C-alpha atoms as a PDB file:
ATOM      1  CA  MET A   1      45.564  10.452  39.769  1.00  0.00           C
ATOM      2  CA  LYS A   2      43.399   9.201  36.921  1.00  0.00           C
ATOM      3  CA  LEU A   3      41.766   5.640  35.424  1.00  0.00           C
ATOM      4  CA  LYS A   4      43.707   4.662  32.475  1.00  0.00           C
ATOM      5  CA  GLN A   5      42.433   0.861  32.812  1.00  0.00           C
ATOM      6  CA  ILE A   6      39.109  -0.291  33.739  1.00  0.00           C
ATOM      7  CA  LEU A   7      38.313  -4.176  33.659  1.00  0.00           C
ATOM      8  CA  VAL A   8      34.867  -5.372  33.405  1.00  0.00           C
ATOM      9  CA  PRO A   9      34.332  -9.012  34.089  1.00  0.00           C
ATOM     10  CA  LEU A  10      31.316 -10.868  32.713  1.00  0.00           C
ATOM     11  CA  THR A  11      29.126 -13.734  33.551  1.00  0.00           C
ATOM     12  CA  GLY A  12      26.957 -14.074  30.917  1.00  0.00           C
ATOM     13  CA  GLU A  13      24.073 -14.998  33.109  1.00  0.00           C
ATOM     14  CA  THR A  14      22.531 -12.077  33.807  1.00  0.00           C
ATOM     15  CA  ASN A  15      21.665  -8.398  32.171  1.00  0.00           C
ATOM     16  CA  ALA A  16      24.688  -6.750  33.070  1.00  0.00           C
ATOM     17  CA  SER A  17      24.352  -3.685  30.194  1.00  0.00           C
ATOM     18  CA  HIS A  18      24.484  -1.543  33.029  1.00  0.00           C
ATOM     19  CA  VAL A  19      27.805  -2.122  34.503  1.00  0.00           C
ATOM     20  CA  VAL A  20      29.536  -2.101  31.227  1.00  0.00           C
ATOM     21  CA  ASP A  21      27.335   1.554  30.295  1.00  0.00           C
ATOM     22  CA  VAL A  22      28.685   3.133  34.143  1.00  0.00           C
ATOM     23  CA  ALA A  23      32.357   1.203  33.089  1.00  0.00           C
ATOM     24  CA  PHE A  24      32.282   3.172  29.644  1.00  0.00           C
ATOM     25  CA  ARG A  25      31.289   6.560  31.308  1.00  0.00           C
ATOM     26  CA  LEU A  26      33.799   6.402  33.990  1.00  0.00           C
ATOM     27  CA  ALA A  27      36.354   5.776  31.119  1.00  0.00           C
ATOM     28  CA  ARG A  28      35.228   8.855  29.139  1.00  0.00           C
ATOM     29  CA  GLU A  29      36.045  11.469  32.032  1.00  0.00           C
ATOM     30  CA  SER A  30      39.796  10.184  31.656  1.00  0.00           C
ATOM     31  CA  ARG A  31      40.125   8.871  28.348  1.00  0.00           C
ATOM     32  CA  ALA A  32      40.607   5.254  29.778  1.00  0.00           C
ATOM     33  CA  HIS A  33      41.140   1.777  28.065  1.00  0.00           C
ATOM     34  CA  VAL A  34      37.968  -0.786  29.124  1.00  0.00           C
ATOM     35  CA  VAL A  35      38.849  -4.333  28.469  1.00  0.00           C
ATOM     36  CA  GLY A  36      35.632  -6.330  28.597  1.00  0.00           C
ATOM     37  CA  THR A  37      36.191 -10.333  29.177  1.00  0.00           C
ATOM     38  CA  ASP A  38      33.863 -13.326  30.418  1.00  0.00           C
ATOM     39  CA  THR A  39      34.215 -15.302  33.429  1.00  0.00           C
ATOM     40  CA  VAL A  40      32.842 -18.253  31.667  1.00  0.00           C
ATOM     41  CA  THR A  41      34.358 -21.829  33.007  1.00  0.00           C
ATOM     42  CA  GLU A  42      34.763 -25.107  31.070  1.00  0.00           C
ATOM     43  CA  PRO A  43      31.986 -27.695  32.355  1.00  0.00           C
ATOM     44  CA  GLY A  44      34.030 -30.504  33.107  1.00  0.00           C
ATOM     45  CA  PRO A  45      34.501 -29.205  37.315  1.00  0.00           C
ATOM     46  CA  PHE A  46      30.408 -29.161  37.369  1.00  0.00           C
ATOM     47  CA  LEU A  47      30.039 -33.119  36.022  1.00  0.00           C
ATOM     48  CA  ASP A  48      31.090 -36.069  37.252  1.00  0.00           C
ATOM     49  CA  GLN A  49      33.472 -37.214  35.450  1.00  0.00           C
ATOM     50  CA  THR A  50      33.975 -40.816  35.993  1.00  0.00           C
ATOM     51  CA  GLY A  51      30.806 -41.210  34.970  1.00  0.00           C
ATOM     52  CA  VAL A  52      29.839 -43.490  37.659  1.00  0.00           C
ATOM     53  CA  GLY A  53      26.262 -44.631  37.629  1.00  0.00           C
ATOM     54  CA  MET A  54      25.755 -43.642  34.533  1.00  0.00           C
ATOM     55  CA  MET A  55      26.581 -45.290  30.508  1.00  0.00           C
ATOM     56  CA  ALA A  56      29.923 -43.437  29.074  1.00  0.00           C
ATOM     57  CA  SER A  57      27.354 -42.258  26.090  1.00  0.00           C
ATOM     58  CA  TYR A  58      25.127 -40.563  28.682  1.00  0.00           C
ATOM     59  CA  TYR A  59      28.142 -38.716  30.291  1.00  0.00           C
ATOM     60  CA  ASP A  60      29.065 -37.552  26.725  1.00  0.00           C
ATOM     61  CA  GLU A  61      25.931 -35.845  25.883  1.00  0.00           C
ATOM     62  CA  LEU A  62      25.653 -34.144  29.402  1.00  0.00           C
ATOM     63  CA  PHE A  63      29.461 -32.983  28.637  1.00  0.00           C
ATOM     64  CA  LYS A  64      28.132 -31.329  25.378  1.00  0.00           C
ATOM     65  CA  THR A  65      24.868 -30.012  26.593  1.00  0.00           C
ATOM     66  CA  ALA A  66      26.766 -27.887  29.094  1.00  0.00           C
ATOM     67  CA  GLU A  67      29.675 -26.921  26.705  1.00  0.00           C
ATOM     68  CA  LYS A  68      26.735 -25.503  24.387  1.00  0.00           C
ATOM     69  CA  VAL A  69      25.683 -23.668  27.610  1.00  0.00           C
ATOM     70  CA  GLN A  70      29.289 -22.252  28.507  1.00  0.00           C
ATOM     71  CA  VAL A  71      29.472 -21.265  24.756  1.00  0.00           C
ATOM     72  CA  GLN A  72      26.364 -19.441  25.212  1.00  0.00           C
ATOM     73  CA  LYS A  73      27.110 -17.381  28.225  1.00  0.00           C
ATOM     74  CA  ARG A  74      30.375 -16.502  26.302  1.00  0.00           C
ATOM     75  CA  SER A  75      28.766 -15.207  23.378  1.00  0.00           C
ATOM     76  CA  ASN A  76      26.013 -13.565  25.831  1.00  0.00           C
ATOM     77  CA  ALA A  77      29.126 -11.722  27.680  1.00  0.00           C
ATOM     78  CA  GLN A  78      30.507 -10.349  24.704  1.00  0.00           C
ATOM     79  CA  ALA A  79      27.557  -9.226  22.849  1.00  0.00           C
ATOM     80  CA  THR A  80      26.164  -7.308  26.138  1.00  0.00           C
ATOM     81  CA  PHE A  81      29.772  -5.768  26.551  1.00  0.00           C
ATOM     82  CA  GLU A  82      29.889  -4.793  22.393  1.00  0.00           C
ATOM     83  CA  ALA A  83      26.312  -3.594  23.335  1.00  0.00           C
ATOM     84  CA  GLY A  84      27.549  -0.931  25.136  1.00  0.00           C
ATOM     85  CA  ARG A  85      30.586  -0.059  23.538  1.00  0.00           C
ATOM     86  CA  LYS A  86      28.507   0.824  20.863  1.00  0.00           C
ATOM     87  CA  ARG A  87      26.373   3.080  22.992  1.00  0.00           C
ATOM     88  CA  ALA A  88      29.126   4.744  24.231  1.00  0.00           C
ATOM     89  CA  GLY A  89      30.731   5.033  20.837  1.00  0.00           C
ATOM     90  CA  VAL A  90      34.221   3.865  21.494  1.00  0.00           C
ATOM     91  CA  SER A  91      36.539   2.214  19.490  1.00  0.00           C
ATOM     92  CA  LEU A  92      38.443  -0.328  19.554  1.00  0.00           C
ATOM     93  CA  ALA A  93      42.305  -0.678  20.428  1.00  0.00           C
ATOM     94  CA  ASP A  94      44.287  -3.682  22.152  1.00  0.00           C
ATOM     95  CA  LYS A  95      47.842  -1.901  21.871  1.00  0.00           C
ATOM     96  CA  PRO A  96      48.804   1.396  24.156  1.00  0.00           C
ATOM     97  CA  GLY A  97      49.608   4.508  21.969  1.00  0.00           C
ATOM     98  CA  THR A  98      47.562   3.756  19.144  1.00  0.00           C
ATOM     99  CA  THR A  99      44.627   6.289  20.451  1.00  0.00           C
ATOM    100  CA  THR A 100      44.557   9.132  22.981  1.00  0.00           C
ATOM    101  CA  ASP A 101      40.768   9.112  23.787  1.00  0.00           C
ATOM    102  CA  VAL A 102      38.972   6.572  25.618  1.00  0.00           C
ATOM    103  CA  SER A 103      39.052   3.038  23.985  1.00  0.00           C
ATOM    104  CA  ALA A 104      38.091  -0.491  24.105  1.00  0.00           C
ATOM    105  CA  GLU A 105      39.411  -3.778  24.218  1.00  0.00           C
ATOM    106  CA  TRP A 106      37.406  -7.331  24.006  1.00  0.00           C
ATOM    107  CA  VAL A 107      39.744 -10.822  25.670  1.00  0.00           C
ATOM    108  CA  SER A 108      37.774 -13.743  25.529  1.00  0.00           C
ATOM    109  CA  GLY A 109      38.404 -15.669  28.836  1.00  0.00           C
ATOM    110  CA  VAL A 110      38.632 -19.086  27.369  1.00  0.00           C
ATOM    111  CA  ALA A 111      42.332 -19.124  28.280  1.00  0.00           C
ATOM    112  CA  TYR A 112      41.947 -18.216  32.045  1.00  0.00           C
ATOM    113  CA  ASN A 113      39.205 -20.754  32.954  1.00  0.00           C
ATOM    114  CA  GLY A 114      36.997 -18.586  34.383  1.00  0.00           C
ATOM    115  CA  ALA A 115      39.783 -16.965  36.274  1.00  0.00           C
ATOM    116  CA  THR A 116      39.933 -13.627  34.449  1.00  0.00           C
ATOM    117  CA  ALA A 117      38.453 -11.086  37.461  1.00  0.00           C
ATOM    118  CA  SER A 118      41.089 -11.854  39.531  1.00  0.00           C
ATOM    119  CA  ALA A 119      43.988 -12.893  36.870  1.00  0.00           C
ATOM    120  CA  LEU A 120      43.035  -9.356  34.853  1.00  0.00           C
ATOM    121  CA  GLY A 121      42.082  -8.010  37.556  1.00  0.00           C
ATOM    122  CA  ARG A 122      45.742  -7.779  39.333  1.00  0.00           C
ATOM    123  CA  LEU A 123      46.531  -4.900  35.972  1.00  0.00           C
ATOM    124  CA  SER A 124      43.709  -2.755  36.369  1.00  0.00           C
ATOM    125  CA  ASP A 125      42.845   0.385  37.919  1.00  0.00           C
ATOM    126  CA  LEU A 126      39.531  -0.605  38.802  1.00  0.00           C
ATOM    127  CA  ILE A 127      37.568  -3.344  38.134  1.00  0.00           C
ATOM    128  CA  VAL A 128      33.583  -2.997  37.409  1.00  0.00           C
ATOM    129  CA  VAL A 129      31.377  -6.055  38.678  1.00  0.00           C
ATOM    130  CA  ASN A 130      27.455  -6.812  39.010  1.00  0.00           C
ATOM    131  CA  GLN A 131      26.534  -6.138  42.602  1.00  0.00           C
ATOM    132  CA  PRO A 132      25.860  -9.357  43.575  1.00  0.00           C
ATOM    133  CA  GLY A 133      22.096  -8.497  45.510  1.00  0.00           C
ATOM    134  CA  GLU A 134      19.813 -11.191  47.466  1.00  0.00           C
ATOM    135  CA  LYS A 135      19.310 -13.766  44.267  1.00  0.00           C
ATOM    136  CA  ALA A 136      22.442 -13.168  43.080  1.00  0.00           C
ATOM    137  CA  SER A 137      23.816 -16.434  41.044  1.00  0.00           C
ATOM    138  CA  TYR A 138      27.267 -18.016  42.413  1.00  0.00           C
ATOM    139  CA  ALA A 139      28.649 -17.307  39.237  1.00  0.00           C
ATOM    140  CA  GLU A 140      28.137 -13.332  40.176  1.00  0.00           C
ATOM    141  CA  LEU A 141      28.663 -13.680  43.870  1.00  0.00           C
ATOM    142  CA  GLN A 142      32.402 -15.697  42.805  1.00  0.00           C
ATOM    143  CA  VAL A 143      33.070 -12.512  40.316  1.00  0.00           C
ATOM    144  CA  PHE A 144      32.530 -10.067  43.458  1.00  0.00           C
ATOM    145  CA  GLU A 145      34.738 -12.407  45.624  1.00  0.00           C
ATOM    146  CA  ALA A 146      37.613 -13.070  42.675  1.00  0.00           C
ATOM    147  CA  ALA A 147      37.536  -9.081  41.971  1.00  0.00           C
ATOM    148  CA  ALA A 148      37.906  -8.089  45.837  1.00  0.00           C
ATOM    149  CA  PHE A 149      39.579 -10.567  47.683  1.00  0.00           C
ATOM    150  CA  GLY A 150      41.889 -12.570  44.390  1.00  0.00           C
ATOM    151  CA  ALA A 151      43.203  -9.604  42.458  1.00  0.00           C
ATOM    152  CA  ARG A 152      42.710  -7.222  45.523  1.00  0.00           C
ATOM    153  CA  ARG A 153      42.115  -3.988  43.546  1.00  0.00           C
ATOM    154  CA  PRO A 154      39.577  -1.841  43.629  1.00  0.00           C
ATOM    155  CA  ILE A 155      36.143  -3.175  42.562  1.00  0.00           C
ATOM    156  CA  LEU A 156      33.179  -0.938  41.432  1.00  0.00           C
ATOM    157  CA  ALA A 157      29.900  -2.863  42.402  1.00  0.00           C
ATOM    158  CA  VAL A 158      27.002  -1.188  40.620  1.00  0.00           C
ATOM    159  CA  PRO A 159      23.440  -2.044  41.293  1.00  0.00           C
ATOM    160  CA  PRO A 160      20.984  -2.658  38.409  1.00  0.00           C
ATOM    161  CA  GLY A 161      19.216   0.699  37.337  1.00  0.00           C
ATOM    162  CA  CYS A 162      22.249   2.643  38.171  1.00  0.00           C
ATOM    163  CA  THR A 163      23.472   5.066  35.414  1.00  0.00           C
ATOM    164  CA  SER A 164      26.559   7.098  37.033  1.00  0.00           C
ATOM    165  CA  LEU A 165      28.158   7.656  40.429  1.00  0.00           C
ATOM    166  CA  GLY A 166      26.813  11.080  40.834  1.00  0.00           C
ATOM    167  CA  GLY A 167      28.328  14.220  42.623  1.00  0.00           C
ATOM    168  CA  HIS A 168      27.639  12.212  46.390  1.00  0.00           C
ATOM    169  CA  ALA A 169      30.579  10.569  48.094  1.00  0.00           C
ATOM    170  CA  LEU A 170      29.945   8.563  51.428  1.00  0.00           C
ATOM    171  CA  ILE A 171      32.922   6.842  53.070  1.00  0.00           C
ATOM    172  CA  ALA A 172      32.307   4.189  55.800  1.00  0.00           C
ATOM    173  CA  TRP A 173      34.981   5.170  57.868  1.00  0.00           C
ATOM    174  CA  ASN A 174      36.675   2.773  60.904  1.00  0.00           C
ATOM    175  CA  GLY A 175      40.303   3.431  59.877  1.00  0.00           C
ATOM    176  CA  SER A 176      40.908   0.101  59.011  1.00  0.00           C
ATOM    177  CA  LEU A 177      43.643  -1.747  56.212  1.00  0.00           C
ATOM    178  CA  GLU A 178      40.613  -2.268  53.801  1.00  0.00           C
ATOM    179  CA  ALA A 179      38.890   1.005  54.244  1.00  0.00           C
ATOM    180  CA  CYS A 180      42.382   3.057  53.800  1.00  0.00           C
ATOM    181  CA  ARG A 181      42.799   1.120  50.429  1.00  0.00           C
ATOM    182  CA  ALA A 182      39.400   1.481  49.674  1.00  0.00           C
ATOM    183  CA  VAL A 183      39.877   5.332  49.819  1.00  0.00           C
ATOM    184  CA  ASP A 184      43.110   5.578  47.716  1.00  0.00           C
ATOM    185  CA  GLY A 185      41.118   3.245  44.860  1.00  0.00           C
ATOM    186  CA  ALA A 186      38.557   5.838  44.594  1.00  0.00           C
ATOM    187  CA  LEU A 187      40.510   8.729  44.659  1.00  0.00           C
ATOM    188  CA  PRO A 188      39.589   9.388  41.008  1.00  0.00           C
ATOM    189  CA  MET A 189      36.205   9.412  41.397  1.00  0.00           C
ATOM    190  CA  LEU A 190      36.329  11.424  44.635  1.00  0.00           C
ATOM    191  CA  SER A 191      38.050  14.273  42.724  1.00  0.00           C
ATOM    192  CA  GLY A 192      35.672  17.271  42.045  1.00  0.00           C
ATOM    193  CA  LEU A 193      32.083  16.353  43.336  1.00  0.00           C
ATOM    194  CA  ASP A 194      29.599  17.929  44.909  1.00  0.00           C
ATOM    195  CA  ALA A 195      30.278  16.395  48.885  1.00  0.00           C
ATOM    196  CA  VAL A 196      32.052  14.026  50.486  1.00  0.00           C
ATOM    197  CA  ASP A 197      30.394  12.932  53.655  1.00  0.00           C
ATOM    198  CA  ILE A 198      32.993  10.653  55.965  1.00  0.00           C
ATOM    199  CA  VAL A 199      30.910   8.482  58.387  1.00  0.00           C
ATOM    200  CA  GLN A 200      32.657   6.867  61.690  1.00  0.00           C
ATOM    201  CA  VAL A 201      30.571   4.596  63.451  1.00  0.00           C
ATOM    202  CA  GLY A 202      31.498   3.834  66.895  1.00  0.00           C
ATOM    203  CA  ASP A 203      35.352   4.616  67.836  1.00  0.00           C
ATOM    204  CA  ILE A 204      38.048   4.257  66.229  1.00  0.00           C
ATOM    205  CA  ALA A 205      40.090   1.052  67.342  1.00  0.00           C
ATOM    206  CA  ILE A 206      43.294   1.915  68.568  1.00  0.00           C
ATOM    207  CA  GLY A 207      46.252   1.879  65.639  1.00  0.00           C
ATOM    208  CA  ASN A 208      43.681   2.413  63.141  1.00  0.00           C
ATOM    209  CA  ALA A 209      43.607   5.888  61.084  1.00  0.00           C
ATOM    210  CA  SER A 210      41.324   8.729  62.533  1.00  0.00           C
ATOM    211  CA  SER A 211      38.695  10.700  60.876  1.00  0.00           C
ATOM    212  CA  GLU A 212      40.186  13.818  61.001  1.00  0.00           C
ATOM    213  CA  ALA A 213      43.550  12.058  59.480  1.00  0.00           C
ATOM    214  CA  LEU A 214      41.451  11.399  56.155  1.00  0.00           C
ATOM    215  CA  VAL A 215      40.186  14.834  56.051  1.00  0.00           C
ATOM    216  CA  ASN A 216      44.050  15.839  55.781  1.00  0.00           C
ATOM    217  CA  TYR A 217      44.749  13.399  53.783  1.00  0.00           C
ATOM    218  CA  LEU A 218      41.653  13.779  50.863  1.00  0.00           C
ATOM    219  CA  GLY A 219      42.825  17.837  51.473  1.00  0.00           C
ATOM    220  CA  TRP A 220      46.345  17.094  50.089  1.00  0.00           C
ATOM    221  CA  HIS A 221      44.431  15.864  47.419  1.00  0.00           C
ATOM    222  CA  GLY A 222      42.693  18.790  47.211  1.00  0.00           C
ATOM    223  CA  ILE A 223      39.383  17.140  48.269  1.00  0.00           C
ATOM    224  CA  GLY A 224      36.967  18.836  50.580  1.00  0.00           C
ATOM    225  CA  ALA A 225      35.299  16.200  53.224  1.00  0.00           C
ATOM    226  CA  LYS A 226      32.943  16.616  56.422  1.00  0.00           C
ATOM    227  CA  ILE A 227      33.123  13.879  58.983  1.00  0.00           C
ATOM    228  CA  ARG A 228      29.671  12.247  60.911  1.00  0.00           C
ATOM    229  CA  LYS A 229      30.661  10.226  63.780  1.00  0.00           C
ATOM    230  CA  VAL A 230      28.212   8.372  64.839  1.00  0.00           C
ATOM    231  CA  SER A 231      27.550   5.990  68.400  1.00  0.00           C
ATOM    232  CA  ASP A 232      27.113   2.097  67.998  1.00  0.00           C
ATOM    233  CA  GLN A 233      23.282   2.022  68.947  1.00  0.00           C
ATOM    234  CA  HIS A 234      23.210  -1.527  69.515  1.00  0.00           C
ATOM    235  CA  GLN A 235      22.641  -1.658  65.905  1.00  0.00           C
ATOM    236  CA  SER A 236      24.271  -3.493  62.719  1.00  0.00           C
ATOM    237  CA  THR A 237      26.857  -1.444  61.502  1.00  0.00           C
ATOM    238  CA  SER A 238      25.708  -1.818  57.680  1.00  0.00           C
ATOM    239  CA  LYS A 239      22.343  -0.536  59.018  1.00  0.00           C
ATOM    240  CA  ILE A 240      23.243   2.664  60.657  1.00  0.00           C
ATOM    241  CA  ILE A 241      25.170   3.220  57.332  1.00  0.00           C
ATOM    242  CA  ALA A 242      22.542   2.481  55.236  1.00  0.00           C
ATOM    243  CA  ARG A 243      20.419   5.369  57.377  1.00  0.00           C
ATOM    244  CA  GLU A 244      23.479   7.198  57.066  1.00  0.00           C
ATOM    245  CA  THR A 245      23.645   7.462  53.350  1.00  0.00           C
ATOM    246  CA  GLU A 246      20.511   8.446  52.952  1.00  0.00           C
ATOM    247  CA  ASN A 247      20.529  11.606  55.582  1.00  0.00           C
ATOM    248  CA  VAL A 248      22.934  13.280  53.752  1.00  0.00           C
ATOM    249  CA  GLY A 249      21.826  11.739  50.022  1.00  0.00           C
ATOM    250  CA  ALA A 250      24.857  10.168  48.768  1.00  0.00           C
ATOM    251  CA  THR A 251      25.054   8.750  45.870  1.00  0.00           C
ATOM    252  CA  PHE A 252      27.577   5.893  46.001  1.00  0.00           C
ATOM    253  CA  MET A 253      29.926   4.504  49.192  1.00  0.00           C
ATOM    254  CA  VAL A 254      33.067   3.797  49.320  1.00  0.00           C
ATOM    255  CA  LEU A 255      33.847   0.758  51.800  1.00  0.00           C
ATOM    256  CA  GLY A 256      36.584  -1.843  52.582  1.00  0.00           C
ATOM    257  CA  ALA A 257      35.706  -4.752  51.734  1.00  0.00           C
ATOM    258  CA  TYR A 258      35.749  -7.738  55.069  1.00  0.00           C
ATOM    259  CA  THR A 259      35.976 -11.345  55.666  1.00  0.00           C
ATOM    260  CA  HIS A 260      35.537 -13.441  58.222  1.00  0.00           C
ATOM    261  CA  SER A 261      37.599 -16.880  57.190  1.00  0.00           C
ATOM    262  CA  PRO A 262      40.875 -17.570  55.143  1.00  0.00           C
ATOM    263  CA  LEU A 263      37.752 -19.418  53.086  1.00  0.00           C
ATOM    264  CA  ARG A 264      37.042 -16.267  51.250  1.00  0.00           C
ATOM    265  CA  GLU A 265      34.699 -18.041  49.142  1.00  0.00           C
ATOM    266  CA  LEU A 266      32.225 -19.082  51.657  1.00  0.00           C
ATOM    267  CA  ILE A 267      32.364 -16.588  54.250  1.00  0.00           C
ATOM    268  CA  LEU A 268      32.309 -13.141  53.717  1.00  0.00           C
ATOM    269  CA  GLY A 269      32.352 -10.580  56.504  1.00  0.00           C
ATOM    270  CA  GLY A 270      29.185  -9.297  58.200  1.00  0.00           C
ATOM    271  CA  VAL A 271      28.926  -5.788  56.630  1.00  0.00           C
ATOM    272  CA  THR A 272      30.320  -6.601  53.615  1.00  0.00           C
ATOM    273  CA  GLN A 273      28.022  -9.174  52.932  1.00  0.00           C
ATOM    274  CA  SER A 274      25.244  -7.049  54.251  1.00  0.00           C
ATOM    275  CA  MET A 275      25.837  -4.140  51.805  1.00  0.00           C
ATOM    276  CA  ILE A 276      26.370  -6.006  48.928  1.00  0.00           C
ATOM    277  CA  THR A 277      23.141  -7.546  49.609  1.00  0.00           C
ATOM    278  CA  ASN A 278      20.882  -5.214  50.318  1.00  0.00           C
ATOM    279  CA  GLY A 279      22.649  -2.154  49.025  1.00  0.00           C
ATOM    280  CA  LYS A 280      20.870   0.153  46.930  1.00  0.00           C
ATOM    281  CA  LEU A 281      23.671   2.257  45.846  1.00  0.00           C
ATOM    282  CA  PRO A 282      27.294   1.903  43.761  1.00  0.00           C
ATOM    283  CA  MET A 283      29.685   1.103  46.419  1.00  0.00           C
ATOM    284  CA  ILE A 284      33.862   1.366  45.916  1.00  0.00           C
ATOM    285  CA  MET A 285      35.522  -1.305  47.859  1.00  0.00           C
ATOM    286  CA  ALA A 286      38.745  -2.903  48.393  1.00  0.00           C
ATOM    287  CA  HIS A 287      40.297  -5.731  50.567  1.00  0.00           C
END
């Protein structure tokens, strides 16, 4: 199993060159096609379009100013992607079959009005996004949520300063559907690693897949893995996972993406929120 199409949605608000570089590095390993796009919306929804309390001319000026800001964000996003493409020495291609090597393409987000992460992500093997840390903007968090819960495809959240996934994976395992989907999406990145550790915190709920079953599943894919079972210890699961990550020397993580509410734009699951806010390693996640 190999990655063949990778999506890189960019907000144009922050320096996301590390995201683009990691995406091209992964693409190089499997000769994949990398699609870059922006997630910028039209300015209208952020302004009072009725013009209540202001003159029409003043509203027009506000709209024009906001529009310029959004256009600049689109330009920033494309420039970031293009710079990364040139650093990687990757050629442009917009049709399959035109090359057998890694290739790249830029798709403007204008027609999608901010929905590129979910719309284009549904037809991608992996969506590579900037990891939304503690001080992440609303747009950065929205990209993560749209990719994880809108596209429902595997995502790779890349923290600032990251240059590669490295050779040691830690799988945070509870046997849930989300964890299973994360492992399935991570298979191309799990092959050929130096080590894979499976960390199980507490007991597996009845009806969920055991850690031993996961070892066998990975084994049939030619991936060796070791199990580390850790008691709950009355601590938050995210803290235990983070500690175990340091203990084994993992370079990236694989875990499910959870939400505690149907209003997923507002409330992420506790472990998901904590890991993306405080995590220092790249994370492959799926919902």
